[in-house]
Amino acid sequence: MYKTALRIDENLLAQARAALGTRTATETIHSALAEVVARQGRTRLFERLRSLEGIDLADDTVMREAWR
C-alpha cells in the first residue's frame, strides 16, 4: 500500500460516502475500488452464464443428474 495526494471532488466524495456507508475518504475510496473490481467479476460471470462458456448447464447429462 502506498500514500498519495489526490484532488477529489468533495461533493462526489460525499455522495459516494453516503452510498457506500463509509466514514473516511480513505475508506470510501477503498470501498469504491472494491466495488468496481466486484462489478467486473459479476459482469464476467454474467457473460459466462449468458454464453454458457465452461458451464455444464448446456450438458443434458449433467442437468438430468441435477434434478435428482
PDB file of N, CA and C in Angstrom:
ATOM      1  N   MET A   1       0.855  -1.167   0.000  1.00  0.00           N
ATOM      2  CA  MET A   1       0.000   0.000   0.000  1.00  0.00           C
ATOM      3  C   MET A   1       0.901   1.230   0.000  1.00  0.00           C
ATOM      4  N   TYR A   2       0.469   2.263  -0.692  1.00  0.00           N
ATOM      5  CA  TYR A   2       1.271   3.473  -0.709  1.00  0.00           C
ATOM      6  C   TYR A   2       0.406   4.691  -0.464  1.00  0.00           C
ATOM      7  N   LYS A   3       1.073   5.765  -0.144  1.00  0.00           N
ATOM      8  CA  LYS A   3       0.398   7.015   0.174  1.00  0.00           C
ATOM      9  C   LYS A   3       0.549   7.956  -1.018  1.00  0.00           C
ATOM     10  N   THR A   4      -0.541   8.649  -1.367  1.00  0.00           N
ATOM     11  CA  THR A   4      -0.503   9.575  -2.490  1.00  0.00           C
ATOM     12  C   THR A   4      -1.421  10.759  -2.219  1.00  0.00           C
ATOM     13  N   ALA A   5      -1.188  11.829  -2.926  1.00  0.00           N
ATOM     14  CA  ALA A   5      -2.051  13.009  -2.801  1.00  0.00           C
ATOM     15  C   ALA A   5      -3.000  13.027  -3.995  1.00  0.00           C
ATOM     16  N   LEU A   6      -4.266  13.289  -3.733  1.00  0.00           N
ATOM     17  CA  LEU A   6      -5.280  13.315  -4.784  1.00  0.00           C
ATOM     18  C   LEU A   6      -6.130  14.578  -4.666  1.00  0.00           C
ATOM     19  N   ARG A   7      -6.604  15.041  -5.787  1.00  0.00           N
ATOM     20  CA  ARG A   7      -7.614  16.096  -5.793  1.00  0.00           C
ATOM     21  C   ARG A   7      -8.939  15.400  -6.047  1.00  0.00           C
ATOM     22  N   ILE A   8      -9.844  15.512  -5.092  1.00  0.00           N
ATOM     23  CA  ILE A   8     -11.120  14.801  -5.175  1.00  0.00           C
ATOM     24  C   ILE A   8     -12.252  15.801  -5.036  1.00  0.00           C
ATOM     25  N   ASP A   9     -13.231  15.665  -5.906  1.00  0.00           N
ATOM     26  CA  ASP A   9     -14.436  16.487  -5.839  1.00  0.00           C
ATOM     27  C   ASP A   9     -15.141  16.165  -4.517  1.00  0.00           C
ATOM     28  N   GLU A  10     -15.239  17.160  -3.635  1.00  0.00           N
ATOM     29  CA  GLU A  10     -15.811  16.935  -2.304  1.00  0.00           C
ATOM     30  C   GLU A  10     -17.268  16.497  -2.357  1.00  0.00           C
ATOM     31  N   ASN A  11     -18.025  17.047  -3.295  1.00  0.00           N
ATOM     32  CA  ASN A  11     -19.434  16.669  -3.433  1.00  0.00           C
ATOM     33  C   ASN A  11     -19.553  15.210  -3.878  1.00  0.00           C
ATOM     34  N   LEU A  12     -18.731  14.817  -4.848  1.00  0.00           N
ATOM     35  CA  LEU A  12     -18.752  13.438  -5.328  1.00  0.00           C
ATOM     36  C   LEU A  12     -18.316  12.481  -4.218  1.00  0.00           C
ATOM     37  N   LEU A  13     -17.319  12.867  -3.460  1.00  0.00           N
ATOM     38  CA  LEU A  13     -16.861  12.048  -2.335  1.00  0.00           C
ATOM     39  C   LEU A  13     -17.974  11.900  -1.298  1.00  0.00           C
ATOM     40  N   ALA A  14     -18.672  12.980  -1.005  1.00  0.00           N
ATOM     41  CA  ALA A  14     -19.776  12.927  -0.034  1.00  0.00           C
ATOM     42  C   ALA A  14     -20.885  12.011  -0.536  1.00  0.00           C
ATOM     43  N   GLN A  15     -21.191  12.081  -1.812  1.00  0.00           N
ATOM     44  CA  GLN A  15     -22.228  11.203  -2.376  1.00  0.00           C
ATOM     45  C   GLN A  15     -21.802   9.737  -2.311  1.00  0.00           C
ATOM     46  N   ALA A  16     -20.538   9.475  -2.646  1.00  0.00           N
ATOM     47  CA  ALA A  16     -20.021   8.102  -2.583  1.00  0.00           C
ATOM     48  C   ALA A  16     -20.017   7.607  -1.147  1.00  0.00           C
ATOM     49  N   ARG A  17     -19.631   8.470  -0.224  1.00  0.00           N
ATOM     50  CA  ARG A  17     -19.610   8.116   1.199  1.00  0.00           C
ATOM     51  C   ARG A  17     -21.012   7.724   1.670  1.00  0.00           C
ATOM     52  N   ALA A  18     -22.010   8.491   1.265  1.00  0.00           N
ATOM     53  CA  ALA A  18     -23.394   8.184   1.644  1.00  0.00           C
ATOM     54  C   ALA A  18     -23.860   6.875   1.009  1.00  0.00           C
ATOM     55  N   ALA A  19     -23.533   6.686  -0.262  1.00  0.00           N
ATOM     56  CA  ALA A  19     -23.963   5.475  -0.968  1.00  0.00           C
ATOM     57  C   ALA A  19     -23.304   4.217  -0.410  1.00  0.00           C
ATOM     58  N   LEU A  20     -22.045   4.343  -0.005  1.00  0.00           N
ATOM     59  CA  LEU A  20     -21.293   3.188   0.482  1.00  0.00           C
ATOM     60  C   LEU A  20     -21.386   3.004   1.992  1.00  0.00           C
ATOM     61  N   GLY A  21     -21.861   4.018   2.683  1.00  0.00           N
ATOM     62  CA  GLY A  21     -21.953   3.934   4.140  1.00  0.00           C
ATOM     63  C   GLY A  21     -20.602   3.982   4.821  1.00  0.00           C
ATOM     64  N   THR A  22     -19.665   4.714   4.218  1.00  0.00           N
ATOM     65  CA  THR A  22     -18.316   4.819   4.781  1.00  0.00           C
ATOM     66  C   THR A  22     -18.159   6.138   5.521  1.00  0.00           C
ATOM     67  N   ARG A  23     -17.098   6.226   6.328  1.00  0.00           N
ATOM     68  CA  ARG A  23     -16.907   7.437   7.133  1.00  0.00           C
ATOM     69  C   ARG A  23     -15.754   8.300   6.665  1.00  0.00           C
ATOM     70  N   THR A  24     -14.672   7.694   6.235  1.00  0.00           N
ATOM     71  CA  THR A  24     -13.491   8.483   5.857  1.00  0.00           C
ATOM     72  C   THR A  24     -13.286   8.451   4.347  1.00  0.00           C
ATOM     73  N   ALA A  25     -12.471   9.397   3.869  1.00  0.00           N
ATOM     74  CA  ALA A  25     -12.155   9.430   2.443  1.00  0.00           C
ATOM     75  C   ALA A  25     -11.419   8.152   2.034  1.00  0.00           C
ATOM     76  N   THR A  26     -10.473   7.723   2.837  1.00  0.00           N
ATOM     77  CA  THR A  26      -9.723   6.505   2.524  1.00  0.00           C
ATOM     78  C   THR A  26     -10.642   5.296   2.458  1.00  0.00           C
ATOM     79  N   GLU A  27     -11.506   5.161   3.442  1.00  0.00           N
ATOM     80  CA  GLU A  27     -12.451   4.039   3.466  1.00  0.00           C
ATOM     81  C   GLU A  27     -13.381   4.104   2.253  1.00  0.00           C
ATOM     82  N   THR A  28     -13.816   5.288   1.887  1.00  0.00           N
ATOM     83  CA  THR A  28     -14.698   5.463   0.739  1.00  0.00           C
ATOM     84  C   THR A  28     -14.002   5.064  -0.557  1.00  0.00           C
ATOM     85  N   ILE A  29     -12.776   5.504  -0.725  1.00  0.00           N
ATOM     86  CA  ILE A  29     -12.025   5.172  -1.940  1.00  0.00           C
ATOM     87  C   ILE A  29     -11.761   3.676  -2.015  1.00  0.00           C
ATOM     88  N   HIS A  30     -11.362   3.060  -0.920  1.00  0.00           N
ATOM     89  CA  HIS A  30     -11.121   1.610  -0.907  1.00  0.00           C
ATOM     90  C   HIS A  30     -12.402   0.853  -1.225  1.00  0.00           C
ATOM     91  N   SER A  31     -13.514   1.261  -0.628  1.00  0.00           N
ATOM     92  CA  SER A  31     -14.793   0.592  -0.885  1.00  0.00           C
ATOM     93  C   SER A  31     -15.228   0.765  -2.334  1.00  0.00           C
ATOM     94  N   ALA A  32     -15.029   1.955  -2.876  1.00  0.00           N
ATOM     95  CA  ALA A  32     -15.403   2.212  -4.268  1.00  0.00           C
ATOM     96  C   ALA A  32     -14.557   1.363  -5.212  1.00  0.00           C
ATOM     97  N   LEU A  33     -13.255   1.281  -4.946  1.00  0.00           N
ATOM     98  CA  LEU A  33     -12.392   0.454  -5.781  1.00  0.00           C
ATOM     99  C   LEU A  33     -12.782  -1.017  -5.686  1.00  0.00           C
ATOM    100  N   ALA A  34     -13.085  -1.485  -4.490  1.00  0.00           N
ATOM    101  CA  ALA A  34     -13.503  -2.876  -4.303  1.00  0.00           C
ATOM    102  C   ALA A  34     -14.805  -3.147  -5.052  1.00  0.00           C
ATOM    103  N   GLU A  35     -15.713  -2.188  -5.054  1.00  0.00           N
ATOM    104  CA  GLU A  35     -16.988  -2.347  -5.761  1.00  0.00           C
ATOM    105  C   GLU A  35     -16.774  -2.426  -7.274  1.00  0.00           C
ATOM    106  N   VAL A  36     -15.852  -1.627  -7.791  1.00  0.00           N
ATOM    107  CA  VAL A  36     -15.548  -1.669  -9.223  1.00  0.00           C
ATOM    108  C   VAL A  36     -14.996  -3.041  -9.609  1.00  0.00           C
ATOM    109  N   VAL A  37     -14.081  -3.573  -8.797  1.00  0.00           N
ATOM    110  CA  VAL A  37     -13.497  -4.883  -9.072  1.00  0.00           C
ATOM    111  C   VAL A  37     -14.575  -5.967  -8.985  1.00  0.00           C
ATOM    112  N   ALA A  38     -15.438  -5.896  -7.970  1.00  0.00           N
ATOM    113  CA  ALA A  38     -16.515  -6.881  -7.810  1.00  0.00           C
ATOM    114  C   ALA A  38     -17.489  -6.803  -8.985  1.00  0.00           C
ATOM    115  N   ARG A  39     -17.786  -5.593  -9.424  1.00  0.00           N
ATOM    116  CA  ARG A  39     -18.687  -5.410 -10.564  1.00  0.00           C
ATOM    117  C   ARG A  39     -18.106  -6.043 -11.822  1.00  0.00           C
ATOM    118  N   GLN A  40     -16.819  -5.892 -12.018  1.00  0.00           N
ATOM    119  CA  GLN A  40     -16.170  -6.508 -13.172  1.00  0.00           C
ATOM    120  C   GLN A  40     -16.297  -8.034 -13.103  1.00  0.00           C
ATOM    121  N   GLY A  41     -16.136  -8.594 -11.912  1.00  0.00           N
ATOM    122  CA  GLY A  41     -16.298 -10.036 -11.733  1.00  0.00           C
ATOM    123  C   GLY A  41     -17.718 -10.483 -12.018  1.00  0.00           C
ATOM    124  N   ARG A  42     -18.694  -9.705 -11.561  1.00  0.00           N
ATOM    125  CA  ARG A  42     -20.097 -10.042 -11.834  1.00  0.00           C
ATOM    126  C   ARG A  42     -20.397  -9.975 -13.324  1.00  0.00           C
ATOM    127  N   THR A  43     -19.813  -8.998 -14.000  1.00  0.00           N
ATOM    128  CA  THR A  43     -20.006  -8.868 -15.444  1.00  0.00           C
ATOM    129  C   THR A  43     -19.430 -10.078 -16.168  1.00  0.00           C
ATOM    130  N   ARG A  44     -18.222 -10.506 -15.770  1.00  0.00           N
ATOM    131  CA  ARG A  44     -17.621 -11.693 -16.388  1.00  0.00           C
ATOM    132  C   ARG A  44     -18.470 -12.928 -16.137  1.00  0.00           C
ATOM    133  N   LEU A  45     -18.969 -13.083 -14.918  1.00  0.00           N
ATOM    134  CA  LEU A  45     -19.816 -14.231 -14.596  1.00  0.00           C
ATOM    135  C   LEU A  45     -21.096 -14.201 -15.412  1.00  0.00           C
ATOM    136  N   PHE A  46     -21.723 -13.037 -15.529  1.00  0.00           N
ATOM    137  CA  PHE A  46     -22.947 -12.908 -16.321  1.00  0.00           C
ATOM    138  C   PHE A  46     -22.681 -13.315 -17.766  1.00  0.00           C
ATOM    139  N   GLU A  47     -21.556 -12.878 -18.325  1.00  0.00           N
ATOM    140  CA  GLU A  47     -21.226 -13.232 -19.709  1.00  0.00           C
ATOM    141  C   GLU A  47     -21.022 -14.736 -19.857  1.00  0.00           C
ATOM    142  N   ARG A  48     -20.377 -15.366 -18.855  1.00  0.00           N
ATOM    143  CA  ARG A  48     -20.222 -16.827 -18.899  1.00  0.00           C
ATOM    144  C   ARG A  48     -21.570 -17.516 -18.834  1.00  0.00           C
ATOM    145  N   LEU A  49     -22.468 -17.032 -17.981  1.00  0.00           N
ATOM    146  CA  LEU A  49     -23.799 -17.632 -17.891  1.00  0.00           C
ATOM    147  C   LEU A  49     -24.589 -17.418 -19.176  1.00  0.00           C
ATOM    148  N   ARG A  50     -24.456 -16.219 -19.752  1.00  0.00           N
ATOM    149  CA  ARG A  50     -25.177 -15.907 -20.982  1.00  0.00           C
ATOM    150  C   ARG A  50     -24.708 -16.798 -22.136  1.00  0.00           C
ATOM    151  N   SER A  51     -23.414 -17.008 -22.221  1.00  0.00           N
ATOM    152  CA  SER A  51     -22.860 -17.787 -23.330  1.00  0.00           C
ATOM    153  C   SER A  51     -22.738 -19.273 -22.992  1.00  0.00           C
ATOM    154  N   LEU A  52     -22.918 -19.616 -21.722  1.00  0.00           N
ATOM    155  CA  LEU A  52     -22.738 -20.976 -21.197  1.00  0.00           C
ATOM    156  C   LEU A  52     -21.307 -21.468 -21.384  1.00  0.00           C
ATOM    157  N   GLU A  53     -20.360 -20.546 -21.555  1.00  0.00           N
ATOM    158  CA  GLU A  53     -18.952 -20.889 -21.723  1.00  0.00           C
ATOM    159  C   GLU A  53     -18.399 -21.543 -20.462  1.00  0.00           C
ATOM    160  N   GLY A  54     -17.956 -22.790 -20.611  1.00  0.00           N
ATOM    161  CA  GLY A  54     -17.347 -23.501 -19.491  1.00  0.00           C
ATOM    162  C   GLY A  54     -18.341 -23.902 -18.411  1.00  0.00           C
ATOM    163  N   ILE A  55     -19.624 -23.833 -18.715  1.00  0.00           N
ATOM    164  CA  ILE A  55     -20.655 -24.158 -17.725  1.00  0.00           C
ATOM    165  C   ILE A  55     -21.441 -25.366 -18.227  1.00  0.00           C
ATOM    166  N   ASP A  56     -21.719 -26.295 -17.332  1.00  0.00           N
ATOM    167  CA  ASP A  56     -22.366 -27.551 -17.701  1.00  0.00           C
ATOM    168  C   ASP A  56     -23.879 -27.442 -17.877  1.00  0.00           C
ATOM    169  N   LEU A  57     -24.435 -26.252 -17.791  1.00  0.00           N
ATOM    170  CA  LEU A  57     -25.879 -26.113 -17.927  1.00  0.00           C
ATOM    171  C   LEU A  57     -26.368 -26.537 -19.299  1.00  0.00           C
ATOM    172  N   ALA A  58     -25.497 -26.521 -20.292  1.00  0.00           N
ATOM    173  CA  ALA A  58     -25.878 -26.924 -21.639  1.00  0.00           C
ATOM    174  C   ALA A  58     -25.714 -28.434 -21.847  1.00  0.00           C
ATOM    175  N   ASP A  59     -25.163 -29.126 -20.867  1.00  0.00           N
ATOM    176  CA  ASP A  59     -24.928 -30.565 -20.969  1.00  0.00           C
ATOM    177  C   ASP A  59     -26.141 -31.309 -20.410  1.00  0.00           C
ATOM    178  N   ASP A  60     -26.886 -31.961 -21.287  1.00  0.00           N
ATOM    179  CA  ASP A  60     -28.119 -32.652 -20.873  1.00  0.00           C
ATOM    180  C   ASP A  60     -27.861 -33.707 -19.812  1.00  0.00           C
ATOM    181  N   THR A  61     -26.747 -34.416 -19.895  1.00  0.00           N
ATOM    182  CA  THR A  61     -26.429 -35.456 -18.909  1.00  0.00           C
ATOM    183  C   THR A  61     -26.252 -34.840 -17.526  1.00  0.00           C
ATOM    184  N   VAL A  62     -25.529 -33.766 -17.455  1.00  0.00           N
ATOM    185  CA  VAL A  62     -25.293 -33.085 -16.174  1.00  0.00           C
ATOM    186  C   VAL A  62     -26.609 -32.557 -15.618  1.00  0.00           C
ATOM    187  N   MET A  63     -27.412 -31.930 -16.438  1.00  0.00           N
ATOM    188  CA  MET A  63     -28.653 -31.342 -15.975  1.00  0.00           C
ATOM    189  C   MET A  63     -29.662 -32.407 -15.536  1.00  0.00           C
ATOM    190  N   ARG A  64     -29.678 -33.555 -16.192  1.00  0.00           N
ATOM    191  CA  ARG A  64     -30.575 -34.651 -15.765  1.00  0.00           C
ATOM    192  C   ARG A  64     -30.218 -35.089 -14.350  1.00  0.00           C
ATOM    193  N   GLU A  65     -28.934 -35.172 -14.062  1.00  0.00           N
ATOM    194  CA  GLU A  65     -28.478 -35.563 -12.731  1.00  0.00           C
ATOM    195  C   GLU A  65     -28.757 -34.479 -11.687  1.00  0.00           C
ATOM    196  N   ALA A  66     -28.786 -33.244 -12.114  1.00  0.00           N
ATOM    197  CA  ALA A  66     -29.002 -32.126 -11.174  1.00  0.00           C
ATOM    198  C   ALA A  66     -30.388 -32.147 -10.554  1.00  0.00           C
ATOM    199  N   TRP A  67     -31.350 -32.732 -11.226  1.00  0.00           N
ATOM    200  CA  TRP A  67     -32.726 -32.705 -10.750  1.00  0.00           C
ATOM    201  C   TRP A  67     -33.094 -33.954  -9.947  1.00  0.00           C
ATOM    202  N   ARG A  68     -32.145 -34.782  -9.630  1.00  0.00           N
ATOM    203  CA  ARG A  68     -32.442 -35.981  -8.832  1.00  0.00           C
ATOM    204  C   ARG A  68     -32.372 -35.711  -7.378  1.00  0.00           C
TER     205      ARG A  68
END
